[in-house]
């Protein structure tokens, strides 16, 4: 009998075009818009060589050390500067038109001329300060100990780094992944539409169908679980299609732990359906009111998880950490990113454990509310 209910319920739910649109087609369309808007974000953040003009006068020609330092900084694929040798008048014009970040005038000492302050101007100044400090140190050493100047110049050109960069993962940071991970989390909780419908369809005071279900000889809990399983199968299949679309059409990288990504999506789908069922059981208002609460809370949770503004997620984590842990959409988003970025599973399991506890609470709350609901007549 349960298998019969499951099959019929599956056919019935698949005819619900509105729910299919919001739980499958809408996230895919949103993913396409995200990809169009964010595809060049990481490329725009990559370092570009700083455009620097140098006044090509006699003092610059005579300063071989400065020429060597600038040539080294302007060489290679990851060069620091893009040099332009020109006259002072032309350098002034280039700076005014903002075609260069600054220009260098060599007189008795190199002088840096800028029109504003910023990151690029600060980098140029740091380079020039380092050059002046090095040349001053070399001149002082030569005055006190003029022996073996070749070795001194070689040592001056070498830089020793005494700091080691330690990262929590071999994965490259990707700023746009938070948007797509929060989109997947939002899609998981849009499964609340299916959970909401399941509870609505067993409330006899709402529809004639629910009244017939309540007077049928079939055990109510068994019938409800069979119907809920059909909703879960549909929603999880929709999420798998979303993951495949993101990975193979939009080329979104989920990292090496793809199996855990699917498992997390499965848990997220269950949490979303349980959340929708709980709202439907708890709120005794109209169906439109229940839908408004589901959409409102889901979108607000997605906003706090960084789906609209990435920095909001980090602001909430730093200033209101409790809010980050009680937001199930943020827990899902953080679980996905933990799988991508971290080599360990400690943060991932923390998120999943809290989310699992919330899911159990939603299920128990729904069961208690629905079980205690009685009807005077049908």
Protein backbone atom coordinates (compact mmCIF):
# COMPACT_ATOMS: atom_id res chain seq x y z
CA UNK A 1 0.00 0.00 0.00
CA UNK A 2 2.83 2.40 0.84
CA UNK A 3 4.47 1.74 -2.53
CA UNK A 4 1.13 2.41 -4.22
CA UNK A 5 0.79 5.73 -2.35
CA UNK A 6 4.38 6.61 -3.21
CA UNK A 7 3.85 6.01 -6.95
CA UNK A 8 0.57 7.92 -7.14
CA UNK A 9 1.96 10.77 -5.07
CA UNK A 10 4.99 10.98 -7.36
CA UNK A 11 2.74 11.39 -10.41
CA UNK A 12 0.62 13.96 -8.61
CA UNK A 13 3.58 16.09 -7.51
CA UNK A 14 5.21 16.07 -10.95
CA UNK A 15 2.06 17.78 -12.30
CA UNK A 16 2.62 20.71 -9.95
CA UNK A 17 4.28 23.00 -12.51
CA UNK A 18 4.53 25.94 -10.13
CA UNK A 19 6.58 24.01 -7.57
CA UNK A 20 8.73 22.45 -10.30
CA UNK A 21 9.53 25.94 -11.63
CA UNK A 22 10.52 27.42 -8.28
CA UNK A 23 12.53 24.42 -7.11
CA UNK A 24 14.32 23.54 -10.36
CA UNK A 25 14.04 26.07 -13.19
CA UNK A 26 14.35 29.22 -11.07
CA UNK A 27 17.70 28.22 -9.45
CA UNK A 28 19.09 27.30 -12.89
CA UNK A 29 18.06 30.66 -14.34
CA UNK A 30 19.53 32.44 -11.32
CA UNK A 31 22.78 30.50 -11.78
CA UNK A 32 22.99 31.68 -15.41
CA UNK A 33 22.54 35.31 -14.35
CA UNK A 34 25.17 34.89 -11.62
CA UNK A 35 27.61 33.45 -14.12
CA UNK A 36 27.05 36.33 -16.56
CA UNK A 37 27.53 38.91 -13.81
CA UNK A 38 30.45 37.29 -11.97
CA UNK A 39 32.45 35.53 -14.67
CA UNK A 40 35.11 38.26 -14.85
CA UNK A 41 35.35 39.07 -11.13
CA UNK A 42 38.42 36.95 -10.41
CA UNK A 43 40.09 38.03 -13.65
CA UNK A 44 39.56 41.66 -12.68
CA UNK A 45 41.24 41.08 -9.33
CA UNK A 46 44.44 39.64 -10.83
CA UNK A 47 47.46 41.91 -10.59
CA UNK A 48 48.17 44.10 -13.60
CA UNK A 49 51.57 45.69 -14.23
CA UNK A 50 51.68 49.28 -12.96
CA UNK A 51 52.17 51.86 -15.68
CA UNK A 52 55.10 54.08 -14.77
CA UNK A 53 56.63 56.86 -16.84
CA UNK A 54 60.34 57.72 -16.47
CA UNK A 55 61.75 61.05 -17.60
CA UNK A 56 64.50 60.13 -20.06
CA UNK A 57 67.04 62.84 -19.19
CA UNK A 58 70.84 62.81 -18.80
CA UNK A 59 70.67 62.08 -15.04
CA UNK A 60 68.68 58.93 -15.72
CA UNK A 61 71.17 57.86 -18.43
CA UNK A 62 74.03 58.21 -15.95
CA UNK A 63 72.30 56.24 -13.18
CA UNK A 64 73.07 52.67 -14.28
CA UNK A 65 71.94 51.17 -10.96
CA UNK A 66 68.45 52.66 -11.26
CA UNK A 67 68.18 51.54 -14.87
CA UNK A 68 69.11 47.99 -13.87
CA UNK A 69 66.59 47.97 -11.01
CA UNK A 70 63.76 49.28 -13.22
CA UNK A 71 64.59 46.86 -16.03
CA UNK A 72 64.46 43.94 -13.59
CA UNK A 73 61.09 45.11 -12.22
CA UNK A 74 59.70 45.45 -15.76
CA UNK A 75 60.82 42.01 -16.99
CA UNK A 76 59.11 38.64 -16.98
CA UNK A 77 55.50 37.47 -17.11
CA UNK A 78 54.77 38.75 -13.59
CA UNK A 79 56.43 42.09 -14.04
CA UNK A 80 55.81 44.87 -11.56
CA UNK A 81 56.04 47.85 -13.90
CA UNK A 82 55.19 48.75 -17.46
CA UNK A 83 57.74 51.47 -18.25
CA UNK A 84 57.43 54.41 -20.61
CA UNK A 85 60.56 56.51 -21.29
CA UNK A 86 59.55 60.01 -22.27
CA UNK A 87 60.13 63.71 -21.73
CA UNK A 88 58.99 65.54 -18.62
CA UNK A 89 56.27 67.42 -20.51
CA UNK A 90 54.90 64.20 -21.96
CA UNK A 91 55.10 62.50 -18.54
CA UNK A 92 53.06 65.33 -17.02
CA UNK A 93 50.43 64.89 -19.73
CA UNK A 94 50.27 61.12 -19.26
CA UNK A 95 49.81 61.61 -15.52
CA UNK A 96 47.09 64.24 -16.03
CA UNK A 97 45.22 61.93 -18.40
CA UNK A 98 45.70 59.07 -15.89
CA UNK A 99 47.44 56.91 -18.47
CA UNK A 100 50.20 56.26 -15.94
CA UNK A 101 50.02 55.94 -12.16
CA UNK A 102 53.08 58.13 -11.60
CA UNK A 103 56.27 59.31 -13.22
CA UNK A 104 59.87 59.26 -12.05
CA UNK A 105 62.13 62.28 -12.42
CA UNK A 106 65.85 61.65 -11.83
CA UNK A 107 67.86 64.64 -10.67
CA UNK A 108 70.37 64.39 -7.83
CA UNK A 109 68.02 61.71 -6.44
CA UNK A 110 64.98 60.04 -8.04
CA UNK A 111 61.76 61.96 -7.35
CA UNK A 112 58.34 60.33 -7.61
CA UNK A 113 55.48 62.48 -8.92
CA UNK A 114 51.87 61.34 -8.39
CA UNK A 115 48.45 62.94 -8.81
CA UNK A 116 46.65 60.88 -6.13
CA UNK A 117 47.26 58.26 -3.47
CA UNK A 118 46.35 54.62 -3.85
CA UNK A 119 47.62 51.05 -3.91
CA UNK A 120 49.59 51.42 -7.12
CA UNK A 121 51.21 54.67 -6.04
CA UNK A 122 52.15 53.08 -2.70
CA UNK A 123 53.77 50.13 -4.47
CA UNK A 124 55.87 52.46 -6.62
CA UNK A 125 56.92 54.46 -3.55
CA UNK A 126 57.87 51.26 -1.66
CA UNK A 127 59.98 50.16 -4.62
CA UNK A 128 61.74 53.53 -4.77
CA UNK A 129 62.32 53.64 -1.00
CA UNK A 130 63.81 50.15 -1.11
CA UNK A 131 66.10 51.16 -3.97
CA UNK A 132 67.29 54.31 -2.17
CA UNK A 133 67.93 52.41 1.07
CA UNK A 134 69.91 49.73 -0.76
CA UNK A 135 72.06 52.22 -2.68
CA UNK A 136 72.72 54.20 0.52
CA UNK A 137 73.80 51.03 2.31
CA UNK A 138 76.06 49.98 -0.58
CA UNK A 139 77.74 53.41 -0.69
CA UNK A 140 78.32 53.36 3.07
CA UNK A 141 79.87 49.90 2.94
CA UNK A 142 82.11 50.83 -0.01
CA UNK A 143 83.38 53.88 1.84
CA UNK A 144 84.33 51.83 4.90
CA UNK A 145 85.45 48.65 3.14
CA UNK A 146 86.07 49.02 -0.61
CA UNK A 147 87.34 45.42 -0.99
CA UNK A 148 85.50 43.05 -3.34
CA UNK A 149 82.75 45.38 -4.66
CA UNK A 150 81.49 42.72 -7.12
CA UNK A 151 80.43 40.43 -4.25
CA UNK A 152 78.79 43.37 -2.51
CA UNK A 153 76.71 44.26 -5.58
CA UNK A 154 75.67 40.63 -5.98
CA UNK A 155 74.55 40.43 -2.35
CA UNK A 156 72.67 43.72 -2.63
CA UNK A 157 70.65 42.34 -5.53
CA UNK A 158 69.52 39.28 -3.60
CA UNK A 159 66.53 39.33 -1.27
CA UNK A 160 66.08 36.79 1.52
CA UNK A 161 62.55 35.97 2.62
CA UNK A 162 62.33 34.81 6.24
CA UNK A 163 58.55 34.33 6.24
CA UNK A 164 56.84 31.16 5.02
CA UNK A 165 53.29 31.27 3.72
CA UNK A 166 51.10 28.60 5.30
CA UNK A 167 47.66 27.91 3.83
CA UNK A 168 44.88 25.68 5.05
CA UNK A 169 44.43 24.13 1.64
CA UNK A 170 45.97 23.51 -1.73
CA UNK A 171 42.86 25.00 -3.37
CA UNK A 172 43.02 28.48 -4.84
CA UNK A 173 40.74 31.05 -3.16
CA UNK A 174 37.75 31.81 -5.37
CA UNK A 175 35.59 34.76 -4.40
CA UNK A 176 32.62 33.91 -6.61
CA UNK A 177 32.09 30.42 -5.16
CA UNK A 178 30.24 31.83 -2.14
CA UNK A 179 27.54 33.15 -4.49
CA UNK A 180 27.00 29.77 -6.14
CA UNK A 181 27.25 27.79 -2.89
CA UNK A 182 24.65 30.03 -1.28
CA UNK A 183 22.51 29.56 -4.40
CA UNK A 184 22.65 25.78 -3.92
CA UNK A 185 21.77 26.23 -0.25
CA UNK A 186 18.83 28.45 -1.18
CA UNK A 187 17.67 25.82 -3.69
CA UNK A 188 17.83 23.18 -0.94
CA UNK A 189 15.50 25.25 1.23
CA UNK A 190 13.20 25.96 -1.68
CA UNK A 191 12.39 22.29 -1.15
CA UNK A 192 10.24 23.73 1.61
CA UNK A 193 7.56 24.20 -1.07
CA UNK A 194 7.32 20.41 -1.34
CA UNK A 195 7.29 19.92 2.42
CA UNK A 196 4.68 22.63 2.82
CA UNK A 197 2.42 20.95 0.28
CA UNK A 198 2.71 17.59 2.02
CA UNK A 199 1.46 19.01 5.32
CA UNK A 200 -1.22 21.08 3.60
CA UNK A 201 -2.56 18.00 1.83
CA UNK A 202 -3.18 16.19 5.13
CA UNK A 203 -4.93 19.09 6.89
CA UNK A 204 -8.59 18.20 6.54
CA UNK A 205 -9.87 21.71 7.21
CA UNK A 206 -8.00 23.10 4.19
CA UNK A 207 -9.00 20.89 1.24
CA UNK A 208 -11.42 18.11 0.27
CA UNK A 209 -8.43 15.93 -0.71
CA UNK A 210 -7.00 16.20 2.79
CA UNK A 211 -10.40 15.30 4.26
CA UNK A 212 -10.55 12.12 2.18
CA UNK A 213 -7.00 11.21 3.23
CA UNK A 214 -7.92 11.62 6.90
CA UNK A 215 -10.94 9.30 6.72
CA UNK A 216 -9.11 6.61 4.71
CA UNK A 217 -8.19 3.37 6.53
CA UNK A 218 -4.50 3.81 5.72
CA UNK A 219 -2.26 4.68 8.70
CA UNK A 220 -1.81 8.45 8.58
CA UNK A 221 1.88 8.48 9.49
CA UNK A 222 2.69 5.77 6.96
CA UNK A 223 0.81 7.61 4.21
CA UNK A 224 2.51 10.89 5.14
CA UNK A 225 5.99 9.34 5.08
CA UNK A 226 5.30 7.72 1.68
CA UNK A 227 4.20 11.07 0.26
CA UNK A 228 7.15 12.86 1.86
CA UNK A 229 9.55 10.34 0.31
CA UNK A 230 8.09 11.12 -3.14
CA UNK A 231 8.66 14.85 -2.53
CA UNK A 232 12.22 14.19 -1.39
CA UNK A 233 12.99 12.10 -4.47
CA UNK A 234 11.72 14.84 -6.79
CA UNK A 235 13.57 17.63 -5.00
CA UNK A 236 16.85 15.76 -4.69
CA UNK A 237 16.70 14.90 -8.41
CA UNK A 238 16.19 18.59 -9.17
CA UNK A 239 19.23 19.49 -7.08
CA UNK A 240 21.36 16.88 -8.85
CA UNK A 241 20.39 18.48 -12.18
CA UNK A 242 21.39 21.86 -10.74
CA UNK A 243 24.78 20.51 -9.63
CA UNK A 244 25.40 18.96 -13.05
CA UNK A 245 24.44 22.22 -14.74
CA UNK A 246 26.78 24.24 -12.53
CA UNK A 247 29.70 21.85 -12.92
CA UNK A 248 29.58 20.92 -16.60
CA UNK A 249 27.76 23.86 -18.23
CA UNK A 250 28.90 26.85 -16.14
CA UNK A 251 32.23 25.16 -15.19
CA UNK A 252 31.91 25.90 -11.45
CA UNK A 253 34.66 24.08 -9.56
CA UNK A 254 33.45 22.06 -6.54
CA UNK A 255 36.91 20.80 -5.67
CA UNK A 256 38.04 17.21 -5.30
CA UNK A 257 35.40 16.11 -2.74
CA UNK A 258 32.49 15.80 -5.18
CA UNK A 259 31.01 12.83 -3.29
CA UNK A 260 30.69 14.92 -0.14
CA UNK A 261 29.11 17.72 -2.18
CA UNK A 262 26.36 15.33 -3.31
CA UNK A 263 25.93 14.04 0.26
CA UNK A 264 25.68 17.59 1.60
CA UNK A 265 23.11 18.42 -1.06
CA UNK A 266 21.08 15.37 -0.03
CA UNK A 267 21.12 16.50 3.62
CA UNK A 268 20.27 20.05 2.55
CA UNK A 269 17.29 18.81 0.55
CA UNK A 270 15.99 16.92 3.57
CA UNK A 271 16.50 19.98 5.79
CA UNK A 272 14.63 22.20 3.32
CA UNK A 273 11.64 19.87 3.05
CA UNK A 274 11.50 19.48 6.84
CA UNK A 275 11.64 23.26 7.26
CA UNK A 276 8.72 23.81 4.85
CA UNK A 277 6.66 21.11 6.56
CA UNK A 278 7.32 22.69 9.95
CA UNK A 279 6.22 26.14 8.75
CA UNK A 280 3.05 24.70 7.23
CA UNK A 281 2.20 22.86 10.45
CA UNK A 282 3.08 25.78 12.76
CA UNK A 283 1.40 28.66 10.92
CA UNK A 284 -2.40 28.47 11.06
CA UNK A 285 -2.94 31.17 8.46
CA UNK A 286 -3.69 30.97 4.74
CA UNK A 287 -1.47 29.16 2.28
CA UNK A 288 -0.32 32.50 0.83
CA UNK A 289 0.87 33.57 4.27
CA UNK A 290 2.81 30.32 4.69
CA UNK A 291 4.46 30.76 1.27
CA UNK A 292 5.36 34.37 2.14
CA UNK A 293 7.01 33.25 5.40
CA UNK A 294 8.92 30.47 3.63
CA UNK A 295 10.20 32.74 0.85
CA UNK A 296 10.95 35.63 3.23
CA UNK A 297 12.96 33.59 5.71
CA UNK A 298 14.78 31.69 2.95
CA UNK A 299 15.80 34.83 1.09
CA UNK A 300 16.84 36.59 4.30
CA UNK A 301 18.94 33.57 5.25
CA UNK A 302 20.47 33.55 1.75
CA UNK A 303 21.30 37.25 2.09
CA UNK A 304 23.08 36.63 5.40
CA UNK A 305 24.93 33.73 3.76
CA UNK A 306 26.42 36.07 1.14
CA UNK A 307 24.27 35.33 -1.91
CA UNK A 308 23.65 39.01 -2.70
CA UNK A 309 26.71 40.63 -1.05
CA UNK A 310 29.67 38.38 -0.30
CA UNK A 311 31.04 40.53 2.53
CA UNK A 312 27.78 40.16 4.50
CA UNK A 313 28.66 36.53 5.26
CA UNK A 314 32.03 37.51 6.79
CA UNK A 315 30.52 40.47 8.63
CA UNK A 316 27.90 38.24 10.25
CA UNK A 317 30.55 35.62 11.16
CA UNK A 318 32.74 38.26 12.83
CA UNK A 319 30.16 40.49 14.51
CA UNK A 320 27.23 38.10 15.10
CA UNK A 321 28.66 34.54 15.17
CA UNK A 322 25.54 33.10 16.84
CA UNK A 323 23.41 34.33 13.94
CA UNK A 324 25.72 32.51 11.53
CA UNK A 325 25.22 29.23 13.40
CA UNK A 326 21.41 29.48 13.64
CA UNK A 327 21.05 30.27 9.93
CA UNK A 328 20.69 26.87 8.20
CA UNK A 329 21.41 28.34 4.76
CA UNK A 330 24.68 29.78 6.02
CA UNK A 331 25.56 26.38 7.53
CA UNK A 332 25.02 24.73 4.14
CA UNK A 333 26.99 27.43 2.29
CA UNK A 334 29.86 27.16 4.75
CA UNK A 335 29.82 23.36 4.52
CA UNK A 336 30.18 23.52 0.72
CA UNK A 337 33.03 26.02 0.90
CA UNK A 338 34.75 23.99 3.64
CA UNK A 339 34.78 20.99 1.31
CA UNK A 340 36.34 23.10 -1.44
CA UNK A 341 38.94 25.01 0.52
CA UNK A 342 40.00 23.11 3.66
CA UNK A 343 41.97 19.88 3.76
CA UNK A 344 40.43 18.84 7.09
CA UNK A 345 36.77 18.06 7.81
CA UNK A 346 36.42 19.63 11.28
CA UNK A 347 34.61 22.76 10.10
CA UNK A 348 32.50 20.77 7.65
CA UNK A 349 31.31 18.29 10.29
CA UNK A 350 30.52 21.12 12.70
CA UNK A 351 28.20 22.72 10.12
CA UNK A 352 26.58 19.41 9.17
CA UNK A 353 26.05 18.41 12.82
CA UNK A 354 24.25 21.66 13.64
CA UNK A 355 22.19 21.43 10.44
CA UNK A 356 21.28 17.82 11.25
CA UNK A 357 20.10 18.88 14.70
CA UNK A 358 17.91 21.57 13.14
CA UNK A 359 16.44 19.05 10.69
CA UNK A 360 15.53 16.67 13.50
CA UNK A 361 13.95 19.56 15.42
CA UNK A 362 11.85 20.53 12.36
CA UNK A 363 10.69 16.93 11.90
CA UNK A 364 9.79 16.44 15.56
CA UNK A 365 8.01 19.78 15.69
CA UNK A 366 5.95 18.92 12.62
CA UNK A 367 5.05 15.48 14.02
CA UNK A 368 3.94 16.87 17.39
CA UNK A 369 1.81 19.63 15.85
CA UNK A 370 0.13 17.48 13.19
CA UNK A 371 -0.44 14.53 15.54
CA UNK A 372 -2.29 16.68 18.08
CA UNK A 373 -4.56 18.28 15.48
CA UNK A 374 -8.15 17.04 15.75
CA UNK A 375 -11.25 17.74 13.67
CA UNK A 376 -14.81 17.91 15.01
CA UNK A 377 -16.27 16.77 11.69
CA UNK A 378 -15.12 16.04 8.13
